C-alpha atoms as a PDB file:
ATOM      1  CA  MET A   1     -38.508 -50.128  21.016  1.00  0.00           C
ATOM      2  CA  SER A   2     -36.616 -52.335  24.224  1.00  0.00           C
ATOM      3  CA  THR A   3     -37.910 -53.256  27.650  1.00  0.00           C
ATOM      4  CA  ILE A   4     -34.335 -51.212  29.263  1.00  0.00           C
ATOM      5  CA  ILE A   5     -35.148 -48.037  27.012  1.00  0.00           C
ATOM      6  CA  ARG A   6     -38.802 -47.949  28.082  1.00  0.00           C
ATOM      7  CA  GLU A   7     -37.808 -48.840  31.536  1.00  0.00           C
ATOM      8  CA  ARG A   8     -35.465 -45.739  31.472  1.00  0.00           C
ATOM      9  CA  GLU A   9     -37.883 -43.622  29.957  1.00  0.00           C
ATOM     10  CA  VAL A  10     -40.410 -43.984  32.515  1.00  0.00           C
ATOM     11  CA  LEU A  11     -37.349 -43.343  35.280  1.00  0.00           C
ATOM     12  CA  ALA A  12     -36.474 -40.169  33.201  1.00  0.00           C
ATOM     13  CA  LYS A  13     -40.314 -38.807  33.961  1.00  0.00           C
ATOM     14  CA  GLN A  14     -40.184 -39.644  37.590  1.00  0.00           C
ATOM     15  CA  VAL A  15     -36.718 -37.851  38.358  1.00  0.00           C
ATOM     16  CA  LYS A  16     -37.712 -34.482  40.351  1.00  0.00           C
ATOM     17  CA  LEU A  17     -36.191 -31.210  39.101  1.00  0.00           C
ATOM     18  CA  ASN A  18     -35.995 -27.567  40.268  1.00  0.00           C
ATOM     19  CA  ILE A  19     -37.471 -24.814  38.912  1.00  0.00           C
ATOM     20  CA  GLU A  20     -34.651 -23.291  37.429  1.00  0.00           C
ATOM     21  CA  ILE A  21     -33.817 -26.427  35.382  1.00  0.00           C
ATOM     22  CA  ARG A  22     -37.645 -26.613  33.652  1.00  0.00           C
ATOM     23  CA  ASN A  23     -37.572 -23.333  32.953  1.00  0.00           C
ATOM     24  CA  HIS A  24     -34.360 -23.586  31.082  1.00  0.00           C
ATOM     25  CA  VAL A  25     -35.591 -26.458  29.214  1.00  0.00           C
ATOM     26  CA  LYS A  26     -38.777 -24.968  28.100  1.00  0.00           C
ATOM     27  CA  ARG A  27     -37.143 -21.994  27.494  1.00  0.00           C
ATOM     28  CA  TYR A  28     -34.589 -23.321  25.210  1.00  0.00           C
ATOM     29  CA  ASN A  29     -36.820 -26.275  24.104  1.00  0.00           C
ATOM     30  CA  LEU A  30     -34.577 -29.169  25.569  1.00  0.00           C
ATOM     31  CA  ASN A  31     -36.911 -31.621  26.390  1.00  0.00           C
ATOM     32  CA  GLU A  32     -35.833 -34.575  24.247  1.00  0.00           C
ATOM     33  CA  LYS A  33     -31.926 -33.519  25.136  1.00  0.00           C
ATOM     34  CA  LEU A  34     -33.291 -33.854  28.810  1.00  0.00           C
ATOM     35  CA  ARG A  35     -34.872 -37.431  28.007  1.00  0.00           C
ATOM     36  CA  SER A  36     -31.854 -37.997  26.156  1.00  0.00           C
ATOM     37  CA  ILE A  37     -29.272 -37.362  29.226  1.00  0.00           C
ATOM     38  CA  PHE A  38     -31.657 -39.144  31.795  1.00  0.00           C
ATOM     39  CA  ASN A  39     -31.877 -42.034  29.386  1.00  0.00           C
ATOM     40  CA  LEU A  40     -27.707 -41.972  29.479  1.00  0.00           C
ATOM     41  CA  LEU A  41     -28.007 -41.818  33.403  1.00  0.00           C
ATOM     42  CA  GLY A  42     -29.936 -44.485  33.644  1.00  0.00           C
ATOM     43  CA  ASP A  43     -30.537 -45.390  37.562  1.00  0.00           C
ATOM     44  CA  ASP A  44     -28.445 -42.574  38.915  1.00  0.00           C
ATOM     45  CA  ALA A  45     -30.119 -39.851  37.120  1.00  0.00           C
ATOM     46  CA  GLN A  46     -31.696 -38.710  40.072  1.00  0.00           C
ATOM     47  CA  ASP A  47     -28.691 -38.631  42.031  1.00  0.00           C
ATOM     48  CA  VAL A  48     -26.699 -36.698  39.242  1.00  0.00           C
ATOM     49  CA  ALA A  49     -29.434 -34.313  38.948  1.00  0.00           C
ATOM     50  CA  ASP A  50     -29.807 -33.692  42.424  1.00  0.00           C
ATOM     51  CA  TRP A  51     -25.863 -33.649  42.579  1.00  0.00           C
ATOM     52  CA  ALA A  52     -26.143 -31.099  39.760  1.00  0.00           C
ATOM     53  CA  GLN A  53     -28.623 -28.684  41.114  1.00  0.00           C
ATOM     54  CA  ASP A  54     -26.766 -28.321  44.335  1.00  0.00           C
ATOM     55  CA  GLU A  55     -23.421 -27.593  42.451  1.00  0.00           C
ATOM     56  CA  ALA A  56     -24.923 -25.064  40.402  1.00  0.00           C
ATOM     57  CA  LYS A  57     -26.446 -23.240  44.105  1.00  0.00           C
ATOM     58  CA  ARG A  58     -23.203 -23.551  45.332  1.00  0.00           C
ATOM     59  CA  ARG A  59     -21.444 -21.768  42.360  1.00  0.00           C
ATOM     60  CA  ALA A  60     -24.127 -18.835  42.190  1.00  0.00           C
ATOM     61  CA  SER A  61     -23.268 -18.402  45.683  1.00  0.00           C
ATOM     62  CA  GLU A  62     -19.994 -18.038  45.329  1.00  0.00           C
ATOM     63  CA  ASP A  63     -20.421 -15.964  42.086  1.00  0.00           C
ATOM     64  CA  SER A  64     -18.835 -12.169  42.844  1.00  0.00           C
ATOM     65  CA  GLY A  65     -18.988 -11.496  39.272  1.00  0.00           C
ATOM     66  CA  THR A  66     -21.333  -8.757  37.156  1.00  0.00           C
ATOM     67  CA  LYS A  67     -22.836 -11.288  35.383  1.00  0.00           C
ATOM     68  CA  LYS A  68     -25.262 -13.353  37.520  1.00  0.00           C
ATOM     69  CA  THR A  69     -24.685 -17.449  37.097  1.00  0.00           C
ATOM     70  CA  ASN A  70     -28.044 -18.970  35.323  1.00  0.00           C
ATOM     71  CA  ILE A  71     -28.774 -22.195  38.064  1.00  0.00           C
ATOM     72  CA  GLY A  72     -30.928 -23.693  36.007  1.00  0.00           C
ATOM     73  CA  ALA A  73     -28.280 -23.309  33.023  1.00  0.00           C
ATOM     74  CA  VAL A  74     -25.532 -24.874  35.208  1.00  0.00           C
ATOM     75  CA  ALA A  75     -27.379 -27.621  36.376  1.00  0.00           C
ATOM     76  CA  PHE A  76     -28.558 -28.778  32.613  1.00  0.00           C
ATOM     77  CA  ASP A  77     -24.796 -28.837  31.866  1.00  0.00           C
ATOM     78  CA  LEU A  78     -23.774 -30.533  34.402  1.00  0.00           C
ATOM     79  CA  MET A  79     -26.305 -33.305  34.327  1.00  0.00           C
ATOM     80  CA  GLY A  80     -25.493 -33.551  30.664  1.00  0.00           C
ATOM     81  CA  TYR A  81     -21.542 -33.261  30.934  1.00  0.00           C
ATOM     82  CA  GLU A  82     -21.906 -36.762  33.269  1.00  0.00           C
ATOM     83  CA  ALA A  83     -24.356 -37.793  30.859  1.00  0.00           C
ATOM     84  CA  ALA A  84     -21.294 -37.149  27.601  1.00  0.00           C
ATOM     85  CA  ILE A  85     -18.937 -39.423  30.542  1.00  0.00           C
ATOM     86  CA  ARG A  86     -20.976 -42.808  30.333  1.00  0.00           C
ATOM     87  CA  LEU A  87     -22.006 -42.108  26.583  1.00  0.00           C
ATOM     88  CA  VAL A  88     -18.049 -42.643  25.940  1.00  0.00           C
ATOM     89  CA  LYS A  89     -17.832 -45.114  28.448  1.00  0.00           C
ATOM     90  CA  LEU A  90     -20.708 -47.079  26.929  1.00  0.00           C
ATOM     91  CA  ASN A  91     -19.619 -46.767  23.561  1.00  0.00           C
ATOM     92  CA  HIS A  92     -16.417 -48.109  24.200  1.00  0.00           C
ATOM     93  CA  SER A  93     -17.539 -51.042  26.088  1.00  0.00           C
ATOM     94  CA  ARG A  94     -18.610 -51.896  22.687  1.00  0.00           C
ATOM     95  CA  GLY A  95     -15.711 -51.048  20.830  1.00  0.00           C
ATOM     96  CA  ARG A  96     -16.570 -47.768  19.487  1.00  0.00           C
ATOM     97  CA  LEU A  97     -15.041 -44.796  18.835  1.00  0.00           C
ATOM     98  CA  THR A  98     -17.414 -41.320  20.616  1.00  0.00           C
ATOM     99  CA  THR A  99     -17.491 -38.307  17.862  1.00  0.00           C
ATOM    100  CA  LYS A 100     -18.192 -34.629  18.589  1.00  0.00           C
ATOM    101  CA  SER A 101     -21.525 -34.637  17.113  1.00  0.00           C
ATOM    102  CA  ASP A 102     -22.994 -37.918  19.040  1.00  0.00           C
ATOM    103  CA  VAL A 103     -22.434 -36.107  22.077  1.00  0.00           C
ATOM    104  CA  ARG A 104     -23.829 -32.497  20.944  1.00  0.00           C
ATOM    105  CA  SER A 105     -26.624 -34.763  19.840  1.00  0.00           C
ATOM    106  CA  LYS A 106     -27.697 -37.057  22.553  1.00  0.00           C
ATOM    107  CA  THR A 107     -26.587 -34.643  25.614  1.00  0.00           C
ATOM    108  CA  GLY A 108     -26.503 -30.899  23.747  1.00  0.00           C
ATOM    109  CA  GLN A 109     -22.595 -30.267  25.383  1.00  0.00           C
ATOM    110  CA  LYS A 110     -20.001 -29.014  23.089  1.00  0.00           C
ATOM    111  CA  VAL A 111     -17.379 -30.513  24.809  1.00  0.00           C
ATOM    112  CA  GLU A 112     -13.474 -31.106  23.761  1.00  0.00           C
ATOM    113  CA  MET A 113     -13.392 -34.990  23.300  1.00  0.00           C
ATOM    114  CA  PRO A 114      -9.738 -35.176  24.626  1.00  0.00           C
ATOM    115  CA  VAL A 115     -10.694 -33.614  27.598  1.00  0.00           C
ATOM    116  CA  LEU A 116     -13.884 -35.554  27.858  1.00  0.00           C
ATOM    117  CA  TYR A 117     -11.947 -38.876  26.876  1.00  0.00           C
ATOM    118  CA  ARG A 118      -9.925 -38.059  29.756  1.00  0.00           C
ATOM    119  CA  ASP A 119     -12.539 -37.230  32.363  1.00  0.00           C
ATOM    120  CA  ALA A 120     -13.942 -40.587  31.243  1.00  0.00           C
ATOM    121  CA  GLY A 121     -10.393 -42.554  32.103  1.00  0.00           C
ATOM    122  CA  MET A 122      -9.585 -42.714  28.790  1.00  0.00           C
ATOM    123  CA  ARG A 123      -7.397 -41.755  26.314  1.00  0.00           C
ATOM    124  CA  HIS A 124      -8.878 -40.228  22.858  1.00  0.00           C
ATOM    125  CA  PRO A 125      -6.877 -40.859  20.214  1.00  0.00           C
ATOM    126  CA  GLN A 126      -6.536 -37.421  18.900  1.00  0.00           C
ATOM    127  CA  GLU A 127      -4.600 -36.547  22.364  1.00  0.00           C
ATOM    128  CA  ALA A 128      -1.717 -38.499  21.296  1.00  0.00           C
ATOM    129  CA  ARG A 129      -1.446 -37.127  17.765  1.00  0.00           C
ATOM    130  CA  ASN A 130      -1.779 -33.709  19.684  1.00  0.00           C
ATOM    131  CA  LEU A 131       1.091 -35.017  22.036  1.00  0.00           C
ATOM    132  CA  ARG A 132       3.420 -35.801  19.245  1.00  0.00           C
ATOM    133  CA  HIS A 133       2.312 -32.752  16.959  1.00  0.00           C
ATOM    134  CA  ASN A 134       3.200 -30.401  20.303  1.00  0.00           C
ATOM    135  CA  MET A 135       6.405 -32.056  21.391  1.00  0.00           C
ATOM    136  CA  PHE A 136       7.928 -31.833  17.948  1.00  0.00           C
ATOM    137  CA  HIS A 137       6.386 -28.030  18.065  1.00  0.00           C
ATOM    138  CA  GLU A 138       8.234 -27.344  21.197  1.00  0.00           C
ATOM    139  CA  ALA A 139      11.663 -28.618  20.114  1.00  0.00           C
ATOM    140  CA  PHE A 140      11.501 -27.013  16.390  1.00  0.00           C
ATOM    141  CA  LEU A 141      10.250 -23.473  18.227  1.00  0.00           C
ATOM    142  CA  ALA A 142      13.551 -23.766  20.246  1.00  0.00           C
ATOM    143  CA  LEU A 143      15.776 -25.205  17.600  1.00  0.00           C
ATOM    144  CA  ILE A 144      14.526 -22.173  15.550  1.00  0.00           C
ATOM    145  CA  MET A 145      14.942 -19.696  17.948  1.00  0.00           C
ATOM    146  CA  HIS A 146      18.371 -20.799  18.641  1.00  0.00           C
ATOM    147  CA  LEU A 147      19.628 -20.342  15.008  1.00  0.00           C
ATOM    148  CA  PHE A 148      17.643 -16.964  14.432  1.00  0.00           C
ATOM    149  CA  PRO A 149      17.169 -15.228  17.171  1.00  0.00           C
ATOM    150  CA  ASP A 150      15.972 -12.308  15.470  1.00  0.00           C
ATOM    151  CA  VAL A 151      12.724 -14.358  13.896  1.00  0.00           C
ATOM    152  CA  THR A 152       9.187 -14.105  14.936  1.00  0.00           C
ATOM    153  CA  THR A 153       7.246 -16.996  14.686  1.00  0.00           C
ATOM    154  CA  SER A 154       3.603 -17.496  13.639  1.00  0.00           C
ATOM    155  CA  VAL A 155       0.556 -20.393  13.646  1.00  0.00           C
ATOM    156  CA  PRO A 156      -1.431 -20.001  10.420  1.00  0.00           C
ATOM    157  CA  SER A 157      -5.507 -20.029  11.564  1.00  0.00           C
ATOM    158  CA  THR A 158      -7.457 -22.944  10.080  1.00  0.00           C
ATOM    159  CA  GLY A 159     -10.095 -21.662   7.281  1.00  0.00           C
ATOM    160  CA  GLU A 160      -7.328 -19.430   6.221  1.00  0.00           C
ATOM    161  CA  GLY A 161      -6.306 -21.340   3.161  1.00  0.00           C
ATOM    162  CA  LEU A 162      -3.382 -23.373   3.081  1.00  0.00           C
ATOM    163  CA  THR A 163      -2.069 -23.630   6.938  1.00  0.00           C
ATOM    164  CA  PRO A 164       1.422 -25.319   7.508  1.00  0.00           C
ATOM    165  CA  ASP A 165       2.492 -25.729  11.050  1.00  0.00           C
ATOM    166  CA  LEU A 166       4.521 -22.750  11.236  1.00  0.00           C
ATOM    167  CA  MET A 167       5.359 -19.772   9.681  1.00  0.00           C
ATOM    168  CA  VAL A 168       9.036 -18.133  10.161  1.00  0.00           C
ATOM    169  CA  HIS A 169       9.257 -14.098   9.378  1.00  0.00           C
ATOM    170  CA  HIS A 170      12.061 -12.051   9.098  1.00  0.00           C
ATOM    171  CA  GLU A 171      12.251  -8.346   9.112  1.00  0.00           C
ATOM    172  CA  SER A 172      15.516  -6.891   7.975  1.00  0.00           C
ATOM    173  CA  PRO A 173      15.808  -8.519   5.117  1.00  0.00           C
ATOM    174  CA  ASP A 174      12.521  -9.419   4.947  1.00  0.00           C
ATOM    175  CA  TRP A 175      11.455 -13.029   4.378  1.00  0.00           C
ATOM    176  CA  THR A 176       9.075 -15.437   4.861  1.00  0.00           C
ATOM    177  CA  ILE A 177       9.448 -20.043   5.046  1.00  0.00           C
ATOM    178  CA  SER A 178       6.905 -22.161   6.285  1.00  0.00           C
ATOM    179  CA  ILE A 179       7.084 -25.342   8.066  1.00  0.00           C
ATOM    180  CA  GLU A 180       4.969 -28.516   8.370  1.00  0.00           C
ATOM    181  CA  TYR A 181       6.457 -31.173  11.053  1.00  0.00           C
ATOM    182  CA  LYS A 182       5.506 -34.604  10.000  1.00  0.00           C
ATOM    183  CA  GLY A 183       6.109 -36.248  13.889  1.00  0.00           C
ATOM    184  CA  TYR A 184       5.880 -40.147  13.354  1.00  0.00           C
ATOM    185  CA  ARG A 185       7.238 -43.364  14.842  1.00  0.00           C
ATOM    186  CA  SER A 186      10.624 -43.940  13.031  1.00  0.00           C
ATOM    187  CA  LEU A 187       9.431 -46.872  10.826  1.00  0.00           C
ATOM    188  CA  THR A 188       6.688 -44.830   9.581  1.00  0.00           C
ATOM    189  CA  LEU A 189       7.120 -43.878   5.708  1.00  0.00           C
ATOM    190  CA  LEU A 190       7.461 -40.268   4.233  1.00  0.00           C
ATOM    191  CA  SER A 191       5.123 -40.905   1.217  1.00  0.00           C
ATOM    192  CA  GLU A 192       4.389 -39.047  -1.988  1.00  0.00           C
ATOM    193  CA  SER A 193       1.285 -37.557  -0.299  1.00  0.00           C
ATOM    194  CA  GLU A 194       3.533 -35.785   2.452  1.00  0.00           C
ATOM    195  CA  LEU A 195       5.543 -34.411  -0.497  1.00  0.00           C
ATOM    196  CA  LEU A 196       2.872 -32.970  -2.115  1.00  0.00           C
ATOM    197  CA  LYS A 197       1.661 -31.250   0.356  1.00  0.00           C
ATOM    198  CA  ALA A 198       4.762 -29.535   1.005  1.00  0.00           C
ATOM    199  CA  MET A 199       5.205 -28.618  -2.617  1.00  0.00           C
ATOM    200  CA  ARG A 200       1.879 -26.661  -1.970  1.00  0.00           C
ATOM    201  CA  TYR A 201       3.184 -24.937   0.799  1.00  0.00           C
ATOM    202  CA  GLN A 202       6.653 -23.842  -1.215  1.00  0.00           C
ATOM    203  CA  SER A 203       4.098 -22.833  -4.395  1.00  0.00           C
ATOM    204  CA  ALA A 204       2.363 -20.491  -1.718  1.00  0.00           C
ATOM    205  CA  TYR A 205       5.271 -19.438   0.075  1.00  0.00           C
ATOM    206  CA  GLY A 206       8.030 -19.800  -1.826  1.00  0.00           C
ATOM    207  CA  THR A 207      10.131 -22.196   0.626  1.00  0.00           C
ATOM    208  CA  ALA A 208       9.053 -24.777   2.546  1.00  0.00           C
ATOM    209  CA  TRP A 209      10.799 -26.614   4.825  1.00  0.00           C
ATOM    210  CA  LEU A 210       9.205 -30.475   5.932  1.00  0.00           C
ATOM    211  CA  VAL A 211      11.036 -31.304   9.121  1.00  0.00           C
ATOM    212  CA  THR A 212      10.022 -35.169  10.279  1.00  0.00           C
ATOM    213  CA  THR A 213      10.496 -38.084  13.043  1.00  0.00           C
ATOM    214  CA  THR A 214      11.083 -40.398  10.082  1.00  0.00           C
ATOM    215  CA  MET A 215      14.116 -41.846   8.804  1.00  0.00           C
ATOM    216  CA  LYS A 216      12.364 -44.083   5.753  1.00  0.00           C
ATOM    217  CA  SER A 217      11.421 -41.264   2.724  1.00  0.00           C
ATOM    218  CA  VAL A 218      10.325 -41.825  -0.853  1.00  0.00           C
ATOM    219  CA  GLU A 219      12.681 -38.560  -1.739  1.00  0.00           C
ATOM    220  CA  SER A 220      15.812 -40.363  -2.867  1.00  0.00           C
ATOM    221  CA  ILE A 221      13.802 -42.324  -5.718  1.00  0.00           C
ATOM    222  CA  TYR A 222      12.608 -38.616  -7.647  1.00  0.00           C
ATOM    223  CA  GLY A 223      15.830 -36.654  -7.587  1.00  0.00           C
ATOM    224  CA  ARG A 224      16.467 -33.355  -6.588  1.00  0.00           C
ATOM    225  CA  ASN A 225      13.709 -31.993  -9.157  1.00  0.00           C
ATOM    226  CA  LEU A 226      10.399 -32.266  -8.104  1.00  0.00           C
ATOM    227  CA  ASN A 227       7.548 -33.148 -10.423  1.00  0.00           C
ATOM    228  CA  ALA A 228       3.680 -33.402  -9.278  1.00  0.00           C
ATOM    229  CA  GLN A 229       2.813 -35.522 -11.695  1.00  0.00           C
ATOM    230  CA  GLU A 230       5.553 -37.857 -11.408  1.00  0.00           C
ATOM    231  CA  LEU A 231       4.935 -38.161  -7.953  1.00  0.00           C
ATOM    232  CA  ILE A 232       1.699 -39.130  -8.226  1.00  0.00           C
ATOM    233  CA  GLU A 233       1.569 -41.448 -10.901  1.00  0.00           C
ATOM    234  CA  ARG A 234       4.540 -43.430  -9.404  1.00  0.00           C
ATOM    235  CA  GLY A 235       3.328 -43.010  -5.840  1.00  0.00           C
ATOM    236  CA  LEU A 236      -0.148 -44.732  -6.842  1.00  0.00           C
ATOM    237  CA  THR A 237       1.922 -47.600  -8.162  1.00  0.00           C
ATOM    238  CA  ARG A 238       3.892 -48.114  -5.837  1.00  0.00           C
ATOM    239  CA  LEU A 239       1.243 -47.588  -2.852  1.00  0.00           C
ATOM    240  CA  LYS A 240      -1.201 -49.774  -4.331  1.00  0.00           C
ATOM    241  CA  SER A 241       1.256 -52.409  -4.496  1.00  0.00           C
ATOM    242  CA  MET A 242       1.928 -51.728  -0.656  1.00  0.00           C
ATOM    243  CA  TYR A 243      -1.657 -52.158  -0.235  1.00  0.00           C
ATOM    244  CA  ARG A 244      -2.296 -54.978  -1.492  1.00  0.00           C
ATOM    245  CA  ARG A 245       0.661 -57.381   0.317  1.00  0.00           C
ATOM    246  CA  ARG A 246      -0.594 -59.145   3.420  1.00  0.00           C
ATOM    247  CA  ALA A 247       0.166 -57.600   6.683  1.00  0.00           C
ATOM    248  CA  TYR A 248       1.327 -59.932   9.392  1.00  0.00           C
ATOM    249  CA  THR A 249       3.169 -58.054  11.841  1.00  0.00           C
ATOM    250  CA  SER A 250       2.053 -54.389  13.181  1.00  0.00           C
ATOM    251  CA  GLU A 251       4.519 -52.406  11.423  1.00  0.00           C
ATOM    252  CA  GLN A 252       3.300 -53.981   8.689  1.00  0.00           C
ATOM    253  CA  ARG A 253      -0.316 -53.380   9.015  1.00  0.00           C
ATOM    254  CA  GLU A 254       0.851 -49.809   9.979  1.00  0.00           C
ATOM    255  CA  ASN A 255       2.219 -49.480   6.317  1.00  0.00           C
ATOM    256  CA  ARG A 256      -0.532 -50.816   4.800  1.00  0.00           C
ATOM    257  CA  GLY A 257      -2.812 -48.163   6.802  1.00  0.00           C
ATOM    258  CA  ILE A 258      -0.696 -45.641   5.417  1.00  0.00           C
ATOM    259  CA  ALA A 259      -0.541 -46.864   1.974  1.00  0.00           C
ATOM    260  CA  LYS A 260      -4.440 -46.754   2.171  1.00  0.00           C
ATOM    261  CA  LYS A 261      -4.673 -43.273   3.414  1.00  0.00           C
ATOM    262  CA  GLY A 262      -1.976 -41.796   1.144  1.00  0.00           C
ATOM    263  CA  ILE A 263      -3.842 -43.156  -2.197  1.00  0.00           C
ATOM    264  CA  SER A 264      -6.468 -41.413  -0.745  1.00  0.00           C
ATOM    265  CA  HIS A 265      -4.579 -38.228  -0.763  1.00  0.00           C
ATOM    266  CA  LEU A 266      -2.960 -38.652  -4.008  1.00  0.00           C
ATOM    267  CA  GLU A 267      -6.507 -39.766  -5.939  1.00  0.00           C
ATOM    268  CA  LYS A 268      -7.543 -36.175  -4.650  1.00  0.00           C
ATOM    269  CA  GLN A 269      -4.459 -34.286  -6.420  1.00  0.00           C
ATOM    270  CA  LYS A 270      -4.421 -36.254  -9.728  1.00  0.00           C
ATOM    271  CA  ASP A 271      -4.595 -32.462 -11.496  1.00  0.00           C
ATOM    272  CA  LEU A 272      -1.594 -31.203  -9.326  1.00  0.00           C
ATOM    273  CA  ASP A 273       0.670 -29.579 -11.965  1.00  0.00           C
ATOM    274  CA  LEU A 274       3.654 -28.103  -9.473  1.00  0.00           C
ATOM    275  CA  LYS A 275       7.045 -28.280  -9.883  1.00  0.00           C
ATOM    276  CA  CYS A 276      10.262 -27.739  -7.446  1.00  0.00           C
ATOM    277  CA  ARG A 277      13.674 -28.058  -6.511  1.00  0.00           C
ATOM    278  CA  LEU A 278      14.915 -30.075  -3.786  1.00  0.00           C
ATOM    279  CA  TYR A 279      17.471 -28.845  -1.001  1.00  0.00           C
ATOM    280  CA  THR A 280      19.420 -29.573   1.692  1.00  0.00           C
ATOM    281  CA  VAL A 281      18.755 -28.279   5.414  1.00  0.00           C
ATOM    282  CA  ASP A 282      22.255 -27.149   4.837  1.00  0.00           C
ATOM    283  CA  GLU A 283      21.692 -25.236   1.602  1.00  0.00           C
ATOM    284  CA  LEU A 284      18.436 -23.535   3.651  1.00  0.00           C
ATOM    285  CA  LEU A 285      20.031 -22.467   6.416  1.00  0.00           C
ATOM    286  CA  GLU A 286      23.102 -20.591   4.733  1.00  0.00           C
ATOM    287  CA  SER A 287      20.689 -18.812   2.241  1.00  0.00           C
ATOM    288  CA  MET A 288      18.594 -17.921   5.343  1.00  0.00           C
ATOM    289  CA  ARG A 289      22.094 -16.204   6.973  1.00  0.00           C
ATOM    290  CA  ASN A 290      22.609 -14.384   3.677  1.00  0.00           C
ATOM    291  CA  GLY A 291      19.150 -13.150   3.680  1.00  0.00           C
ATOM    292  CA  ARG A 292      17.215 -14.718   0.666  1.00  0.00           C
ATOM    293  CA  PRO A 293      16.294 -18.107   1.391  1.00  0.00           C
ATOM    294  CA  VAL A 294      16.331 -20.828  -1.442  1.00  0.00           C
ATOM    295  CA  LYS A 295      13.080 -20.886  -3.037  1.00  0.00           C
ATOM    296  CA  GLY A 296      12.542 -24.897  -2.683  1.00  0.00           C
ATOM    297  CA  LEU A 297      11.396 -27.869  -0.751  1.00  0.00           C
ATOM    298  CA  ILE A 298      13.681 -29.033   2.380  1.00  0.00           C
ATOM    299  CA  ILE A 299      12.972 -31.973   3.939  1.00  0.00           C
ATOM    300  CA  THR A 300      14.851 -33.359   7.419  1.00  0.00           C
ATOM    301  CA  THR A 301      14.426 -36.436   8.713  1.00  0.00           C
ATOM    302  CA  GLY A 302      14.230 -37.766  12.211  1.00  0.00           C
ATOM    303  CA  PHE A 303      18.254 -38.296  13.360  1.00  0.00           C
ATOM    304  CA  GLU A 304      19.134 -35.364  11.107  1.00  0.00           C
ATOM    305  CA  PHE A 305      16.408 -33.028  13.658  1.00  0.00           C
ATOM    306  CA  VAL A 306      17.530 -34.830  16.297  1.00  0.00           C
ATOM    307  CA  ASP A 307      21.456 -34.102  15.422  1.00  0.00           C
ATOM    308  CA  MET A 308      20.404 -30.282  15.155  1.00  0.00           C
ATOM    309  CA  LEU A 309      19.027 -30.607  18.485  1.00  0.00           C
ATOM    310  CA  LYS A 310      21.849 -31.719  20.066  1.00  0.00           C
ATOM    311  CA  GLU A 311      24.340 -28.964  18.171  1.00  0.00           C
ATOM    312  CA  ALA A 312      22.184 -26.296  19.762  1.00  0.00           C
ATOM    313  CA  ASP A 313      22.547 -27.819  23.125  1.00  0.00           C
ATOM    314  CA  LEU A 314      18.835 -28.566  23.455  1.00  0.00           C
ATOM    315  CA  GLY A 315      19.470 -31.935  24.760  1.00  0.00           C
ATOM    316  CA  ASP A 316      15.640 -32.189  26.430  1.00  0.00           C
ATOM    317  CA  LYS A 317      14.116 -31.414  23.336  1.00  0.00           C
ATOM    318  CA  ALA A 318      16.076 -33.579  21.454  1.00  0.00           C
ATOM    319  CA  GLU A 319      14.876 -36.820  23.660  1.00  0.00           C
ATOM    320  CA  ASN A 320      11.401 -35.435  23.795  1.00  0.00           C
ATOM    321  CA  VAL A 321      11.720 -36.194  19.728  1.00  0.00           C
ATOM    322  CA  LEU A 322      13.487 -39.658  20.100  1.00  0.00           C
ATOM    323  CA  LYS A 323      10.730 -40.836  22.355  1.00  0.00           C
ATOM    324  CA  VAL A 324       7.774 -39.717  19.137  1.00  0.00           C
ATOM    325  CA  MET A 325      10.254 -41.735  17.047  1.00  0.00           C
ATOM    326  CA  LYS A 326      10.544 -45.012  19.256  1.00  0.00           C
ATOM    327  CA  LEU A 327       7.173 -45.011  20.947  1.00  0.00           C
ATOM    328  CA  PRO A 328       4.267 -46.222  20.061  1.00  0.00           C
ATOM    329  CA  THR A 329       1.049 -44.031  20.644  1.00  0.00           C
ATOM    330  CA  SER A 330      -0.231 -45.961  23.463  1.00  0.00           C
ATOM    331  CA  THR A 331       3.028 -45.760  25.864  1.00  0.00           C
ATOM    332  CA  LEU A 332       3.851 -41.842  24.662  1.00  0.00           C
ATOM    333  CA  HIS A 333       3.825 -39.432  27.493  1.00  0.00           C
ATOM    334  CA  SER A 334       5.231 -36.090  28.556  1.00  0.00           C
ATOM    335  CA  ASP A 335       5.476 -34.383  32.025  1.00  0.00           C
ATOM    336  CA  THR A 336       6.012 -30.797  31.146  1.00  0.00           C
ATOM    337  CA  VAL A 337       3.701 -31.123  26.844  1.00  0.00           C
ATOM    338  CA  THR A 338       0.551 -30.808  26.925  1.00  0.00           C
ATOM    339  CA  SER A 339      -1.636 -33.380  25.179  1.00  0.00           C
ATOM    340  CA  VAL A 340      -5.069 -32.048  25.725  1.00  0.00           C
ATOM    341  CA  ARG A 341      -5.471 -29.374  22.683  1.00  0.00           C
ATOM    342  CA  LEU A 342      -2.979 -28.510  20.051  1.00  0.00           C
ATOM    343  CA  ILE A 343      -0.367 -25.618  20.823  1.00  0.00           C
ATOM    344  CA  GLY A 344      -1.204 -22.641  19.053  1.00  0.00           C
END
């Protein structure tokens, strides 16, 4: 055990806690978590404990609800959250990403990582992904409600099998289509693995609309009749060749990373035996207006989507989609769309 850790454990034993916190720790067997929290807080442990106790009492005095505030539990959580912030900052200084399980094991806190990172003065990678997705979601939702005002939409819950990003329902006549968003920078290649995912949605729901922000796509390689086995075999050959290339620019490195991820996805789906037909977005929209959406896969690229938004007089949504297409993760922002959690 290092000298620093030994010194911190001595400090932890010297921290004075009120009876409410001690009872809470004893009742739920949180001694190990408390030691870990104090080790993260270091020399500030007593100051944080005093603040947490005072804040918990203040909240209890303001509580007018039927359920009485547990001062010990509130104070413990306040100390734990401050320790979690210190953990994020410590790991960041070492070039490490803090995971939700790290926070849970060391502080006992259940947290939303983007919120915790933001409170620590940093941006979590998931937050940027959420922002791209949510900007895309709001744009597509506005478009579909403009084109078909009488439809209803729903967001499938994870854990319910296949979960597209959006389901669009129409009552009379009765039809349903599935939507999947791929909000990338425009330089990113729409690969075979994304097509396979959309083919699975098409098999399950009849119609799958893959709406993307990318300009480059492998769809032209395979024609209008898609065969999963052909996509997997030719995709693995193509992606492995791409992954073996040296990467000098940021775009090459980004595509190399996408290739590696794509190889993993394709190898997991080697036994997938699906076939479907590719349709244009014009064919899809016409069939939806006629009450019988085409049974197949539809792919819309970035500028096609932007043009559709502009034609629907949704210029602000089109600008948001262009931001997703053009701006790198580090500079993407929005004053109107949340990035802390996924919409839905």
